[in-house]
C-alpha cells in the first residue's frame, strides 16, 4: 500500500509541478553545507532549457545545476537538494536561470567556463551558507523524486563538516540528488474532518487550503512541531505544498 501511495505521489507531482501559485511563503531557513556546481555536455546552454521543468530528469535540460548537501540532513529529511537561484515555476526564463547558476559557478571557480570547455562533465565544490525557501518535491515521472529549494541568499564559508568524494563517477554524481528511500507517507487527519494547510509554521499564518481527511502527505522539511509537506489525494490529481502541525499527520504503515 505504501509503495502504491508513493508512486501515486510521484505521478501527481509530475503532472502538477509548477502549477501551484498560491504557495509563496516568506519563511526561510539558513543551512550550512557543501555546494556542488555540476555540469554535463560541456555546460552548454540549450534553447530547450525552459521553466517550469517538464523533463524526466530532476535537472530538466539544464546542462549545469547546483547540488547542496546540508550539514543537518535530518532537517531536510536526509535528502541532498537541487537548489535554484530563483523561482522554478516559470516566472523567469530558462536562459535567466542558466545565467544565475553560471554566475554562482564563477564565484566558486573563476575559470569555470574554461573547465567546462575542456571537460564534457565535472564539478567544483564550495563550503557554503545558504538561505533557502522551504523544500519542495519534483517527481521525474520515472519512479524517482527530487527535492528542490530556492536560494534566497548565498555566502561562501571556509569549511563544512560535509565531505564530498573528489573523484566520483558520472553515475554516482547523478544518483546523489535522487530522493532518499526513507521518505514516508502520512494520512492527513483531524477530528474536525479537515486540516488547515498554512503559509508558515504556526496558527498565526494564513491558510492556503483546507483539506479533508483522507489526503496524503510527504514531509519535505522539518520545522519542529510543524512540518512542510506536499499534500495530495488518491481521488484526483490535486497536490500542493504548505505547513501542517505534526499532530495531524498519521504514518501509513
C-alpha atoms as a PDB file:
ATOM      1  CA  UNK A   1       0.000   0.000   0.000  1.00  0.00           C
ATOM      2  CA  UNK A   2       2.752   2.433   0.956  1.00  0.00           C
ATOM      3  CA  UNK A   3       4.596   1.825  -2.328  1.00  0.00           C
ATOM      4  CA  UNK A   4       1.401   2.438  -4.297  1.00  0.00           C
ATOM      5  CA  UNK A   5       0.856   5.742  -2.491  1.00  0.00           C
ATOM      6  CA  UNK A   6       4.448   6.812  -3.143  1.00  0.00           C
ATOM      7  CA  UNK A   7       4.020   6.026  -6.824  1.00  0.00           C
ATOM      8  CA  UNK A   8       0.764   7.972  -6.876  1.00  0.00           C
ATOM      9  CA  UNK A   9       2.520  10.936  -5.278  1.00  0.00           C
ATOM     10  CA  UNK A  10       5.209  10.884  -7.971  1.00  0.00           C
ATOM     11  CA  UNK A  11       2.679  10.779 -10.805  1.00  0.00           C
ATOM     12  CA  UNK A  12       0.580  13.610  -9.365  1.00  0.00           C
ATOM     13  CA  UNK A  13       3.630  15.769  -8.699  1.00  0.00           C
ATOM     14  CA  UNK A  14       4.864  15.221 -12.222  1.00  0.00           C
ATOM     15  CA  UNK A  15       1.501  16.439 -13.576  1.00  0.00           C
ATOM     16  CA  UNK A  16       1.039  19.407 -11.264  1.00  0.00           C
ATOM     17  CA  UNK A  17       4.573  20.709 -10.549  1.00  0.00           C
ATOM     18  CA  UNK A  18       4.779  24.441 -11.150  1.00  0.00           C
ATOM     19  CA  UNK A  19       1.002  24.937 -11.189  1.00  0.00           C
ATOM     20  CA  UNK A  20       0.514  25.801  -7.511  1.00  0.00           C
ATOM     21  CA  UNK A  21       0.926  29.562  -7.413  1.00  0.00           C
ATOM     22  CA  UNK A  22      -0.710  30.119  -4.003  1.00  0.00           C
ATOM     23  CA  UNK A  23       2.164  28.535  -2.105  1.00  0.00           C
ATOM     24  CA  UNK A  24       4.530  31.510  -1.918  1.00  0.00           C
ATOM     25  CA  UNK A  25       5.939  31.922   1.568  1.00  0.00           C
ATOM     26  CA  UNK A  26       8.387  34.275   3.228  1.00  0.00           C
ATOM     27  CA  UNK A  27       9.644  31.505   5.525  1.00  0.00           C
ATOM     28  CA  UNK A  28      13.354  30.796   5.067  1.00  0.00           C
ATOM     29  CA  UNK A  29      15.960  28.528   6.635  1.00  0.00           C
ATOM     30  CA  UNK A  30      19.703  29.104   6.985  1.00  0.00           C
ATOM     31  CA  UNK A  31      21.784  25.999   6.386  1.00  0.00           C
ATOM     32  CA  UNK A  32      25.490  25.301   6.128  1.00  0.00           C
ATOM     33  CA  UNK A  33      26.898  22.558   3.952  1.00  0.00           C
ATOM     34  CA  UNK A  34      28.620  21.777   0.675  1.00  0.00           C
ATOM     35  CA  UNK A  35      27.542  23.263  -2.633  1.00  0.00           C
ATOM     36  CA  UNK A  36      28.448  21.415  -5.806  1.00  0.00           C
ATOM     37  CA  UNK A  37      28.327  23.117  -9.208  1.00  0.00           C
ATOM     38  CA  UNK A  38      27.857  20.272 -11.692  1.00  0.00           C
ATOM     39  CA  UNK A  39      27.970  20.354 -15.474  1.00  0.00           C
ATOM     40  CA  UNK A  40      27.392  17.972 -18.367  1.00  0.00           C
ATOM     41  CA  UNK A  41      27.578  18.412 -22.158  1.00  0.00           C
ATOM     42  CA  UNK A  42      30.392  20.929 -21.552  1.00  0.00           C
ATOM     43  CA  UNK A  43      27.895  23.085 -19.667  1.00  0.00           C
ATOM     44  CA  UNK A  44      26.433  24.477 -22.892  1.00  0.00           C
ATOM     45  CA  UNK A  45      23.152  26.339 -22.817  1.00  0.00           C
ATOM     46  CA  UNK A  46      20.334  24.566 -24.675  1.00  0.00           C
ATOM     47  CA  UNK A  47      17.446  26.619 -26.082  1.00  0.00           C
ATOM     48  CA  UNK A  48      15.106  23.836 -24.924  1.00  0.00           C
ATOM     49  CA  UNK A  49      16.040  24.639 -21.340  1.00  0.00           C
ATOM     50  CA  UNK A  50      12.790  26.081 -20.020  1.00  0.00           C
ATOM     51  CA  UNK A  51      10.922  26.631 -16.784  1.00  0.00           C
ATOM     52  CA  UNK A  52       8.904  25.119 -15.256  1.00  0.00           C
ATOM     53  CA  UNK A  53      10.847  21.908 -15.730  1.00  0.00           C
ATOM     54  CA  UNK A  54       8.939  19.240 -17.627  1.00  0.00           C
ATOM     55  CA  UNK A  55      11.717  16.753 -18.393  1.00  0.00           C
ATOM     56  CA  UNK A  56      12.049  13.398 -16.627  1.00  0.00           C
ATOM     57  CA  UNK A  57      15.411  14.134 -15.053  1.00  0.00           C
ATOM     58  CA  UNK A  58      15.496  16.266 -11.944  1.00  0.00           C
ATOM     59  CA  UNK A  59      17.523  18.939 -13.712  1.00  0.00           C
ATOM     60  CA  UNK A  60      15.482  19.021 -16.943  1.00  0.00           C
ATOM     61  CA  UNK A  61      17.528  20.176 -19.907  1.00  0.00           C
ATOM     62  CA  UNK A  62      19.867  22.252 -17.754  1.00  0.00           C
ATOM     63  CA  UNK A  63      23.475  21.339 -18.519  1.00  0.00           C
ATOM     64  CA  UNK A  64      24.534  22.970 -15.253  1.00  0.00           C
ATOM     65  CA  UNK A  65      22.957  22.690 -11.821  1.00  0.00           C
ATOM     66  CA  UNK A  66      23.631  23.276  -8.136  1.00  0.00           C
ATOM     67  CA  UNK A  67      23.568  20.454  -5.597  1.00  0.00           C
ATOM     68  CA  UNK A  68      23.501  21.165  -1.863  1.00  0.00           C
ATOM     69  CA  UNK A  69      24.333  18.686   0.890  1.00  0.00           C
ATOM     70  CA  UNK A  70      23.339  20.218   4.256  1.00  0.00           C
ATOM     71  CA  UNK A  71      25.182  19.553   7.469  1.00  0.00           C
ATOM     72  CA  UNK A  72      21.871  18.988   9.258  1.00  0.00           C
ATOM     73  CA  UNK A  73      20.428  16.455   6.814  1.00  0.00           C
ATOM     74  CA  UNK A  74      17.678  15.342   9.219  1.00  0.00           C
ATOM     75  CA  UNK A  75      16.047  18.770   8.944  1.00  0.00           C
ATOM     76  CA  UNK A  76      15.841  18.124   5.201  1.00  0.00           C
ATOM     77  CA  UNK A  77      14.599  14.542   5.568  1.00  0.00           C
ATOM     78  CA  UNK A  78      18.053  13.127   4.715  1.00  0.00           C
ATOM     79  CA  UNK A  79      17.882  14.388   1.142  1.00  0.00           C
ATOM     80  CA  UNK A  80      20.522  16.043  -0.995  1.00  0.00           C
ATOM     81  CA  UNK A  81      18.884  19.068  -2.594  1.00  0.00           C
ATOM     82  CA  UNK A  82      18.898  20.619  -6.031  1.00  0.00           C
ATOM     83  CA  UNK A  83      18.977  24.341  -5.273  1.00  0.00           C
ATOM     84  CA  UNK A  84      17.940  27.074  -7.677  1.00  0.00           C
ATOM     85  CA  UNK A  85      18.877  30.775  -7.599  1.00  0.00           C
ATOM     86  CA  UNK A  86      15.306  31.782  -8.393  1.00  0.00           C
ATOM     87  CA  UNK A  87      11.753  30.505  -8.678  1.00  0.00           C
ATOM     88  CA  UNK A  88      11.246  27.467 -10.911  1.00  0.00           C
ATOM     89  CA  UNK A  89       7.560  27.939 -11.767  1.00  0.00           C
ATOM     90  CA  UNK A  90       8.201  29.865 -14.976  1.00  0.00           C
ATOM     91  CA  UNK A  91       8.387  33.425 -13.705  1.00  0.00           C
ATOM     92  CA  UNK A  92      11.915  33.664 -15.081  1.00  0.00           C
ATOM     93  CA  UNK A  93      13.208  32.190 -18.322  1.00  0.00           C
ATOM     94  CA  UNK A  94      15.414  29.150 -18.658  1.00  0.00           C
ATOM     95  CA  UNK A  95      18.171  31.391 -20.008  1.00  0.00           C
ATOM     96  CA  UNK A  96      17.980  33.667 -16.978  1.00  0.00           C
ATOM     97  CA  UNK A  97      18.162  30.704 -14.614  1.00  0.00           C
ATOM     98  CA  UNK A  98      21.113  29.283 -16.553  1.00  0.00           C
ATOM     99  CA  UNK A  99      22.967  32.589 -16.199  1.00  0.00           C
ATOM    100  CA  UNK A 100      22.247  32.783 -12.481  1.00  0.00           C
ATOM    101  CA  UNK A 101      23.574  29.254 -11.933  1.00  0.00           C
ATOM    102  CA  UNK A 102      26.648  30.022 -14.057  1.00  0.00           C
ATOM    103  CA  UNK A 103      27.378  33.168 -12.053  1.00  0.00           C
ATOM    104  CA  UNK A 104      27.481  31.139  -8.848  1.00  0.00           C
ATOM    105  CA  UNK A 105      29.801  28.689 -10.602  1.00  0.00           C
ATOM    106  CA  UNK A 106      32.106  31.604 -11.447  1.00  0.00           C
ATOM    107  CA  UNK A 107      32.119  32.649  -7.788  1.00  0.00           C
ATOM    108  CA  UNK A 108      33.280  29.163  -6.848  1.00  0.00           C
ATOM    109  CA  UNK A 109      35.804  28.846  -9.674  1.00  0.00           C
ATOM    110  CA  UNK A 110      36.543  31.969 -11.767  1.00  0.00           C
ATOM    111  CA  UNK A 111      37.807  29.817 -14.669  1.00  0.00           C
ATOM    112  CA  UNK A 112      34.745  27.542 -14.662  1.00  0.00           C
ATOM    113  CA  UNK A 113      33.942  28.219 -18.319  1.00  0.00           C
ATOM    114  CA  UNK A 114      37.410  27.014 -19.392  1.00  0.00           C
ATOM    115  CA  UNK A 115      36.984  23.891 -17.260  1.00  0.00           C
ATOM    116  CA  UNK A 116      33.663  23.160 -18.943  1.00  0.00           C
ATOM    117  CA  UNK A 117      35.155  23.601 -22.418  1.00  0.00           C
ATOM    118  CA  UNK A 118      37.935  21.111 -21.639  1.00  0.00           C
ATOM    119  CA  UNK A 119      35.771  18.513 -19.889  1.00  0.00           C
ATOM    120  CA  UNK A 120      32.417  17.130 -21.012  1.00  0.00           C
ATOM    121  CA  UNK A 121      31.281  16.777 -17.417  1.00  0.00           C
ATOM    122  CA  UNK A 122      32.633  17.609 -13.989  1.00  0.00           C
ATOM    123  CA  UNK A 123      32.047  19.572 -10.837  1.00  0.00           C
ATOM    124  CA  UNK A 124      33.561  22.028  -8.378  1.00  0.00           C
ATOM    125  CA  UNK A 125      32.686  22.333  -4.690  1.00  0.00           C
ATOM    126  CA  UNK A 126      32.403  25.130  -2.152  1.00  0.00           C
ATOM    127  CA  UNK A 127      31.538  25.204   1.563  1.00  0.00           C
ATOM    128  CA  UNK A 128      28.509  27.452   1.744  1.00  0.00           C
ATOM    129  CA  UNK A 129      25.847  29.012   3.929  1.00  0.00           C
ATOM    130  CA  UNK A 130      22.503  29.224   2.143  1.00  0.00           C
ATOM    131  CA  UNK A 131      19.267  30.936   2.988  1.00  0.00           C
ATOM    132  CA  UNK A 132      16.583  28.740   1.440  1.00  0.00           C
ATOM    133  CA  UNK A 133      12.843  28.771   0.936  1.00  0.00           C
ATOM    134  CA  UNK A 134      11.087  25.558   2.056  1.00  0.00           C
ATOM    135  CA  UNK A 135      11.916  22.377   0.170  1.00  0.00           C
ATOM    136  CA  UNK A 136       9.507  21.057  -2.463  1.00  0.00           C
ATOM    137  CA  UNK A 137       9.251  17.741  -4.299  1.00  0.00           C
ATOM    138  CA  UNK A 138       9.620  17.412  -8.032  1.00  0.00           C
ATOM    139  CA  UNK A 139       8.821  13.993  -9.498  1.00  0.00           C
ATOM    140  CA  UNK A 140      10.772  12.908 -12.543  1.00  0.00           C
ATOM    141  CA  UNK A 141       7.982  10.670 -13.878  1.00  0.00           C
ATOM    142  CA  UNK A 142      10.251   7.615 -13.719  1.00  0.00           C
ATOM    143  CA  UNK A 143       9.580   6.400 -10.163  1.00  0.00           C
ATOM    144  CA  UNK A 144      12.082   8.771  -8.554  1.00  0.00           C
ATOM    145  CA  UNK A 145      11.696  12.108  -6.845  1.00  0.00           C
ATOM    146  CA  UNK A 146      13.935  15.121  -6.411  1.00  0.00           C
ATOM    147  CA  UNK A 147      13.933  17.766  -3.706  1.00  0.00           C
ATOM    148  CA  UNK A 148      14.166  21.403  -4.766  1.00  0.00           C
ATOM    149  CA  UNK A 149      14.776  24.579  -2.796  1.00  0.00           C
ATOM    150  CA  UNK A 150      15.030  28.178  -3.921  1.00  0.00           C
ATOM    151  CA  UNK A 151      18.141  30.106  -2.886  1.00  0.00           C
ATOM    152  CA  UNK A 152      17.372  33.475  -1.327  1.00  0.00           C
ATOM    153  CA  UNK A 153      20.948  34.256  -0.299  1.00  0.00           C
ATOM    154  CA  UNK A 154      24.318  32.507  -0.506  1.00  0.00           C
ATOM    155  CA  UNK A 155      27.584  33.120   1.284  1.00  0.00           C
ATOM    156  CA  UNK A 156      30.873  31.262   0.906  1.00  0.00           C
ATOM    157  CA  UNK A 157      32.348  29.943   4.159  1.00  0.00           C
ATOM    158  CA  UNK A 158      35.749  28.499   4.975  1.00  0.00           C
ATOM    159  CA  UNK A 159      34.748  24.965   5.897  1.00  0.00           C
ATOM    160  CA  UNK A 160      31.941  22.472   6.470  1.00  0.00           C
ATOM    161  CA  UNK A 161      31.602  19.081   8.100  1.00  0.00           C
ATOM    162  CA  UNK A 162      30.124  17.714   4.844  1.00  0.00           C
ATOM    163  CA  UNK A 163      32.531  15.616   2.795  1.00  0.00           C
ATOM    164  CA  UNK A 164      32.010  15.081  -0.938  1.00  0.00           C
ATOM    165  CA  UNK A 165      34.057  12.482  -2.880  1.00  0.00           C
ATOM    166  CA  UNK A 166      36.649  14.154  -5.086  1.00  0.00           C
ATOM    167  CA  UNK A 167      36.668  11.611  -7.887  1.00  0.00           C
ATOM    168  CA  UNK A 168      33.142  10.223  -8.142  1.00  0.00           C
ATOM    169  CA  UNK A 169      31.882   8.816 -11.435  1.00  0.00           C
ATOM    170  CA  UNK A 170      29.076  10.279 -13.515  1.00  0.00           C
ATOM    171  CA  UNK A 171      26.524   7.700 -12.335  1.00  0.00           C
ATOM    172  CA  UNK A 172      27.318   8.296  -8.671  1.00  0.00           C
ATOM    173  CA  UNK A 173      27.129  12.037  -9.287  1.00  0.00           C
ATOM    174  CA  UNK A 174      23.662  11.837 -10.849  1.00  0.00           C
ATOM    175  CA  UNK A 175      22.309   9.468  -8.203  1.00  0.00           C
ATOM    176  CA  UNK A 176      23.204  11.811  -5.339  1.00  0.00           C
ATOM    177  CA  UNK A 177      20.183  14.045  -5.967  1.00  0.00           C
ATOM    178  CA  UNK A 178      17.604  11.248  -6.163  1.00  0.00           C
ATOM    179  CA  UNK A 179      15.346  11.406  -3.115  1.00  0.00           C
ATOM    180  CA  UNK A 180      16.011   9.242  -0.084  1.00  0.00           C
ATOM    181  CA  UNK A 181      14.347   5.814   0.033  1.00  0.00           C
ATOM    182  CA  UNK A 182      13.422   6.641   3.625  1.00  0.00           C
ATOM    183  CA  UNK A 183      10.657   9.043   2.587  1.00  0.00           C
ATOM    184  CA  UNK A 184       7.421   8.190   4.395  1.00  0.00           C
ATOM    185  CA  UNK A 185       3.742   8.584   3.535  1.00  0.00           C
ATOM    186  CA  UNK A 186       1.275  10.071   6.027  1.00  0.00           C
ATOM    187  CA  UNK A 187      -2.506  10.375   6.268  1.00  0.00           C
ATOM    188  CA  UNK A 188      -3.764  13.885   6.963  1.00  0.00           C
ATOM    189  CA  UNK A 189      -6.356  13.595   9.727  1.00  0.00           C
ATOM    190  CA  UNK A 190      -8.087  15.736  12.349  1.00  0.00           C
ATOM    191  CA  UNK A 191     -11.195  15.203  14.468  1.00  0.00           C
ATOM    192  CA  UNK A 192     -12.833  18.193  12.766  1.00  0.00           C
ATOM    193  CA  UNK A 193     -12.756  16.312   9.478  1.00  0.00           C
ATOM    194  CA  UNK A 194     -10.444  18.776   7.747  1.00  0.00           C
ATOM    195  CA  UNK A 195      -6.980  20.274   8.251  1.00  0.00           C
ATOM    196  CA  UNK A 196      -5.688  23.767   7.524  1.00  0.00           C
ATOM    197  CA  UNK A 197      -2.597  23.941   5.327  1.00  0.00           C
ATOM    198  CA  UNK A 198      -0.777  27.178   6.195  1.00  0.00           C
ATOM    199  CA  UNK A 199       1.857  29.523   4.757  1.00  0.00           C
ATOM    200  CA  UNK A 200       4.035  29.293   7.863  1.00  0.00           C
ATOM    201  CA  UNK A 201       4.809  27.102  10.887  1.00  0.00           C
ATOM    202  CA  UNK A 202       2.173  28.413  13.319  1.00  0.00           C
ATOM    203  CA  UNK A 203      -1.535  29.183  13.511  1.00  0.00           C
ATOM    204  CA  UNK A 204      -0.709  32.869  13.005  1.00  0.00           C
ATOM    205  CA  UNK A 205      -0.052  32.282   9.300  1.00  0.00           C
ATOM    206  CA  UNK A 206      -2.667  32.457   6.575  1.00  0.00           C
ATOM    207  CA  UNK A 207      -4.456  29.322   5.442  1.00  0.00           C
ATOM    208  CA  UNK A 208      -3.531  28.136   1.944  1.00  0.00           C
ATOM    209  CA  UNK A 209      -6.117  25.391   1.783  1.00  0.00           C
ATOM    210  CA  UNK A 210      -8.469  23.278   3.877  1.00  0.00           C
ATOM    211  CA  UNK A 211      -8.015  19.613   3.043  1.00  0.00           C
ATOM    212  CA  UNK A 212     -10.428  16.861   4.008  1.00  0.00           C
ATOM    213  CA  UNK A 213      -9.420  13.795   5.982  1.00  0.00           C
ATOM    214  CA  UNK A 214      -8.093  11.176   3.593  1.00  0.00           C
ATOM    215  CA  UNK A 215      -5.485  13.299   1.862  1.00  0.00           C
ATOM    216  CA  UNK A 216      -1.913  12.052   1.969  1.00  0.00           C
ATOM    217  CA  UNK A 217       1.310  13.879   2.741  1.00  0.00           C
ATOM    218  CA  UNK A 218       5.064  13.574   2.343  1.00  0.00           C
ATOM    219  CA  UNK A 219       7.237  15.665   4.650  1.00  0.00           C
ATOM    220  CA  UNK A 220       9.845  17.668   2.733  1.00  0.00           C
ATOM    221  CA  UNK A 221      11.302  19.739   5.575  1.00  0.00           C
ATOM    222  CA  UNK A 222      11.190  19.597   9.371  1.00  0.00           C
ATOM    223  CA  UNK A 223      10.286  22.745  11.346  1.00  0.00           C
ATOM    224  CA  UNK A 224       9.959  21.110  14.756  1.00  0.00           C
ATOM    225  CA  UNK A 225       6.288  20.752  15.740  1.00  0.00           C
ATOM    226  CA  UNK A 226       5.346  21.919  12.246  1.00  0.00           C
ATOM    227  CA  UNK A 227       6.213  20.153   9.017  1.00  0.00           C
ATOM    228  CA  UNK A 228       6.430  21.430   5.469  1.00  0.00           C
ATOM    229  CA  UNK A 229       4.650  18.901   3.298  1.00  0.00           C
ATOM    230  CA  UNK A 230       3.471  18.012  -0.133  1.00  0.00           C
ATOM    231  CA  UNK A 231      -0.208  17.036   0.145  1.00  0.00           C
ATOM    232  CA  UNK A 232      -2.093  15.003  -2.446  1.00  0.00           C
ATOM    233  CA  UNK A 233      -5.212  12.906  -2.981  1.00  0.00           C
ATOM    234  CA  UNK A 234      -5.798   9.444  -4.422  1.00  0.00           C
ATOM    235  CA  UNK A 235      -9.100  10.586  -5.985  1.00  0.00           C
ATOM    236  CA  UNK A 236      -7.835  13.483  -8.145  1.00  0.00           C
ATOM    237  CA  UNK A 237      -4.585  14.971  -9.398  1.00  0.00           C
ATOM    238  CA  UNK A 238      -4.565  17.845  -6.907  1.00  0.00           C
ATOM    239  CA  UNK A 239      -1.375  18.487  -4.968  1.00  0.00           C
ATOM    240  CA  UNK A 240       0.402  21.342  -3.252  1.00  0.00           C
ATOM    241  CA  UNK A 241       2.842  22.326  -0.532  1.00  0.00           C
ATOM    242  CA  UNK A 242       2.377  24.004   2.831  1.00  0.00           C
ATOM    243  CA  UNK A 243       2.782  23.789   6.599  1.00  0.00           C
ATOM    244  CA  UNK A 244       0.883  21.427   8.881  1.00  0.00           C
ATOM    245  CA  UNK A 245       1.106  20.611  12.593  1.00  0.00           C
ATOM    246  CA  UNK A 246       2.647  17.212  13.323  1.00  0.00           C
ATOM    247  CA  UNK A 247      -0.428  16.137  15.347  1.00  0.00           C
ATOM    248  CA  UNK A 248      -2.441  15.984  12.112  1.00  0.00           C
ATOM    249  CA  UNK A 249      -0.148  13.522  10.390  1.00  0.00           C
ATOM    250  CA  UNK A 250      -0.630   9.773  10.855  1.00  0.00           C
ATOM    251  CA  UNK A 251       2.035   7.464   9.450  1.00  0.00           C
ATOM    252  CA  UNK A 252       0.811   4.990   6.850  1.00  0.00           C
ATOM    253  CA  UNK A 253       2.051   1.549   7.868  1.00  0.00           C
END
